[in-house]
Structure formats: structure tokens, C-alpha cells
Amino acid sequence: MEKPVISCNPEVMGGTAVFAGTRVPVQTLLDYLEAGDSIDEFLAGFPGVAREQVIRFLEEAKDRMVAAAS
């Protein structure tokens, strides 16, 4: 079984969705991307987050959007 890419725990950042094993909110990545920043810029600012986590998060979000549109 694959380790979850996102974690929600009331004891970590008040239950905010974060990248598993970090205290970096997923919303921070979305804010970076919305502002036109690259994944590399995000990763430079948050070295505790692995590129693989970001890619898996984006792939899972895409899959959910496609499934919802079907």
C-alpha cells in the first residue's frame, strides 16, 4: 500500500491538509501555482517536501477532477 501524500491531523497545523511528514499546507503549493510560480520555486522554499509528493498530489487531484466530470 502506498503511503498517503496528504495528511490531516488535528495536532498538526490544526488539521489543515499538509504534505505527509511535513507541516507544509497543500494550499501553499496551490497558492504558488496560482501566482505563476513553478514547482521548482515551491520546492526551493519548502525543502521538506519531495518533488514526488507534489507530482502525486497533482496527479491525484487531476484524477479526481476527471472522475467528477464523468
N, C-alpha and C. Protein backbone atom coordinates (compact mmCIF):
# COMPACT_ATOMS: atom_id res chain seq x y z
N MET A 1 0.84 -1.18 0.00
CA MET A 1 0.00 0.00 0.00
C MET A 1 0.88 1.25 0.00
N GLU A 2 0.55 2.19 -0.86
CA GLU A 2 1.32 3.42 -0.95
C GLU A 2 1.02 4.32 0.24
N LYS A 3 2.05 5.01 0.69
CA LYS A 3 1.91 5.96 1.78
C LYS A 3 1.11 7.17 1.27
N PRO A 4 0.17 7.67 2.07
CA PRO A 4 -0.61 8.84 1.64
C PRO A 4 0.29 10.04 1.38
N VAL A 5 -0.07 10.83 0.42
CA VAL A 5 0.71 12.02 0.09
C VAL A 5 0.28 13.21 0.95
N ILE A 6 -0.96 13.18 1.42
CA ILE A 6 -1.53 14.25 2.22
C ILE A 6 -1.91 13.72 3.59
N SER A 7 -1.74 14.55 4.60
CA SER A 7 -2.11 14.18 5.96
C SER A 7 -2.98 15.28 6.55
N CYS A 8 -4.00 14.87 7.29
CA CYS A 8 -4.85 15.80 8.03
C CYS A 8 -4.93 15.28 9.46
N ASN A 9 -4.30 15.99 10.37
CA ASN A 9 -4.24 15.59 11.77
C ASN A 9 -4.52 16.82 12.62
N PRO A 10 -5.51 16.75 13.51
CA PRO A 10 -5.83 17.92 14.34
C PRO A 10 -4.65 18.45 15.15
N GLU A 11 -3.65 17.60 15.38
CA GLU A 11 -2.48 18.03 16.16
C GLU A 11 -1.38 18.63 15.30
N VAL A 12 -1.56 18.62 13.98
CA VAL A 12 -0.58 19.21 13.06
C VAL A 12 -1.28 20.31 12.28
N MET A 13 -0.86 21.52 12.52
CA MET A 13 -1.42 22.70 11.83
C MET A 13 -2.95 22.77 11.98
N GLY A 14 -3.46 22.32 13.12
CA GLY A 14 -4.89 22.41 13.39
C GLY A 14 -5.76 21.59 12.45
N GLY A 15 -5.19 20.55 11.84
CA GLY A 15 -5.97 19.70 10.95
C GLY A 15 -5.94 20.12 9.49
N THR A 16 -5.20 21.16 9.19
CA THR A 16 -5.05 21.61 7.80
C THR A 16 -4.40 20.50 6.98
N ALA A 17 -4.82 20.32 5.74
CA ALA A 17 -4.21 19.33 4.86
C ALA A 17 -2.77 19.75 4.57
N VAL A 18 -1.84 18.87 4.94
CA VAL A 18 -0.41 19.13 4.73
C VAL A 18 0.20 17.97 3.96
N PHE A 19 1.36 18.21 3.37
CA PHE A 19 2.10 17.12 2.75
C PHE A 19 2.56 16.20 3.87
N ALA A 20 2.29 14.90 3.72
CA ALA A 20 2.59 13.92 4.76
C ALA A 20 4.04 14.04 5.21
N GLY A 21 4.23 14.00 6.54
CA GLY A 21 5.57 14.08 7.11
C GLY A 21 6.11 15.49 7.22
N THR A 22 5.29 16.49 6.87
CA THR A 22 5.72 17.89 6.95
C THR A 22 4.64 18.70 7.66
N ARG A 23 4.92 19.98 7.80
CA ARG A 23 3.93 20.92 8.29
C ARG A 23 3.60 21.94 7.18
N VAL A 24 3.84 21.55 5.94
CA VAL A 24 3.63 22.44 4.79
C VAL A 24 2.22 22.20 4.24
N PRO A 25 1.35 23.21 4.35
CA PRO A 25 -0.01 23.05 3.83
C PRO A 25 -0.04 22.88 2.31
N VAL A 26 -0.92 22.01 1.86
CA VAL A 26 -1.12 21.81 0.43
C VAL A 26 -1.54 23.12 -0.22
N GLN A 27 -2.31 23.91 0.51
CA GLN A 27 -2.78 25.20 -0.02
C GLN A 27 -1.61 26.10 -0.42
N THR A 28 -0.48 25.96 0.25
CA THR A 28 0.70 26.75 -0.09
C THR A 28 1.16 26.43 -1.51
N LEU A 29 1.18 25.16 -1.87
CA LEU A 29 1.54 24.79 -3.25
C LEU A 29 0.56 25.41 -4.23
N LEU A 30 -0.73 25.29 -3.92
CA LEU A 30 -1.74 25.85 -4.82
C LEU A 30 -1.59 27.36 -4.95
N ASP A 31 -1.26 28.04 -3.86
CA ASP A 31 -1.04 29.49 -3.91
C ASP A 31 0.15 29.82 -4.80
N TYR A 32 1.23 29.05 -4.69
CA TYR A 32 2.41 29.27 -5.53
C TYR A 32 2.03 29.12 -7.01
N LEU A 33 1.35 28.02 -7.33
CA LEU A 33 0.99 27.76 -8.72
C LEU A 33 0.04 28.83 -9.25
N GLU A 34 -0.91 29.24 -8.43
CA GLU A 34 -1.86 30.28 -8.85
C GLU A 34 -1.15 31.60 -9.13
N ALA A 35 -0.08 31.86 -8.38
CA ALA A 35 0.68 33.10 -8.58
C ALA A 35 1.62 33.03 -9.78
N GLY A 36 1.68 31.85 -10.43
CA GLY A 36 2.54 31.70 -11.61
C GLY A 36 3.92 31.17 -11.28
N ASP A 37 4.15 30.79 -10.03
CA ASP A 37 5.44 30.23 -9.65
C ASP A 37 5.52 28.77 -10.11
N SER A 38 6.72 28.28 -10.24
CA SER A 38 6.93 26.90 -10.70
C SER A 38 6.99 25.95 -9.50
N ILE A 39 6.89 24.67 -9.81
CA ILE A 39 7.07 23.65 -8.78
C ILE A 39 8.47 23.77 -8.19
N ASP A 40 9.46 24.04 -9.02
CA ASP A 40 10.83 24.19 -8.52
C ASP A 40 10.95 25.34 -7.52
N GLU A 41 10.25 26.44 -7.79
CA GLU A 41 10.28 27.56 -6.85
C GLU A 41 9.63 27.17 -5.52
N PHE A 42 8.53 26.44 -5.59
CA PHE A 42 7.88 25.96 -4.37
C PHE A 42 8.83 25.06 -3.60
N LEU A 43 9.44 24.09 -4.28
CA LEU A 43 10.33 23.15 -3.62
C LEU A 43 11.55 23.85 -3.01
N ALA A 44 12.04 24.90 -3.65
CA ALA A 44 13.17 25.64 -3.10
C ALA A 44 12.79 26.30 -1.77
N GLY A 45 11.55 26.73 -1.66
CA GLY A 45 11.09 27.37 -0.43
C GLY A 45 10.69 26.38 0.65
N PHE A 46 10.42 25.15 0.27
CA PHE A 46 9.95 24.13 1.21
C PHE A 46 10.70 22.82 0.96
N PRO A 47 11.98 22.77 1.31
CA PRO A 47 12.80 21.60 1.00
C PRO A 47 12.37 20.32 1.70
N GLY A 48 11.49 20.41 2.69
CA GLY A 48 10.98 19.21 3.36
C GLY A 48 9.98 18.44 2.52
N VAL A 49 9.47 19.07 1.47
CA VAL A 49 8.50 18.44 0.58
C VAL A 49 9.27 17.86 -0.61
N ALA A 50 9.01 16.61 -0.92
CA ALA A 50 9.68 15.95 -2.05
C ALA A 50 8.92 16.22 -3.35
N ARG A 51 9.67 16.32 -4.43
CA ARG A 51 9.06 16.50 -5.75
C ARG A 51 8.01 15.42 -6.02
N GLU A 52 8.32 14.19 -5.61
CA GLU A 52 7.39 13.08 -5.82
C GLU A 52 6.06 13.33 -5.11
N GLN A 53 6.09 13.95 -3.94
CA GLN A 53 4.85 14.27 -3.23
C GLN A 53 4.02 15.26 -4.03
N VAL A 54 4.66 16.28 -4.56
CA VAL A 54 3.95 17.29 -5.34
C VAL A 54 3.33 16.66 -6.59
N ILE A 55 4.11 15.86 -7.29
CA ILE A 55 3.61 15.22 -8.51
C ILE A 55 2.44 14.30 -8.20
N ARG A 56 2.58 13.48 -7.15
CA ARG A 56 1.49 12.58 -6.78
C ARG A 56 0.24 13.35 -6.39
N PHE A 57 0.41 14.44 -5.65
CA PHE A 57 -0.74 15.26 -5.27
C PHE A 57 -1.45 15.79 -6.51
N LEU A 58 -0.70 16.33 -7.45
CA LEU A 58 -1.29 16.89 -8.67
C LEU A 58 -1.95 15.80 -9.51
N GLU A 59 -1.33 14.63 -9.59
CA GLU A 59 -1.93 13.53 -10.35
C GLU A 59 -3.24 13.07 -9.71
N GLU A 60 -3.24 12.95 -8.38
CA GLU A 60 -4.45 12.53 -7.68
C GLU A 60 -5.57 13.57 -7.84
N ALA A 61 -5.20 14.85 -7.78
CA ALA A 61 -6.20 15.91 -7.95
C ALA A 61 -6.77 15.86 -9.37
N LYS A 62 -5.91 15.64 -10.36
CA LYS A 62 -6.36 15.52 -11.75
C LYS A 62 -7.33 14.35 -11.92
N ASP A 63 -6.95 13.20 -11.34
CA ASP A 63 -7.79 12.01 -11.44
C ASP A 63 -9.17 12.26 -10.83
N ARG A 64 -9.20 12.95 -9.71
CA ARG A 64 -10.49 13.24 -9.07
C ARG A 64 -11.34 14.19 -9.90
N MET A 65 -10.70 15.15 -10.54
CA MET A 65 -11.43 16.09 -11.39
C MET A 65 -12.00 15.37 -12.60
N VAL A 66 -11.22 14.48 -13.19
CA VAL A 66 -11.69 13.72 -14.37
C VAL A 66 -12.84 12.82 -13.96
N ALA A 67 -12.73 12.16 -12.82
CA ALA A 67 -13.78 11.27 -12.35
C ALA A 67 -15.06 12.04 -12.04
N ALA A 68 -14.93 13.22 -11.47
CA ALA A 68 -16.10 14.03 -11.13
C ALA A 68 -16.80 14.54 -12.39
N ALA A 69 -16.03 14.77 -13.45
CA ALA A 69 -16.61 15.28 -14.70
C ALA A 69 -17.29 14.18 -15.50
N SER A 70 -17.01 12.94 -15.17
CA SER A 70 -17.57 11.80 -15.94
C SER A 70 -19.00 11.52 -15.54
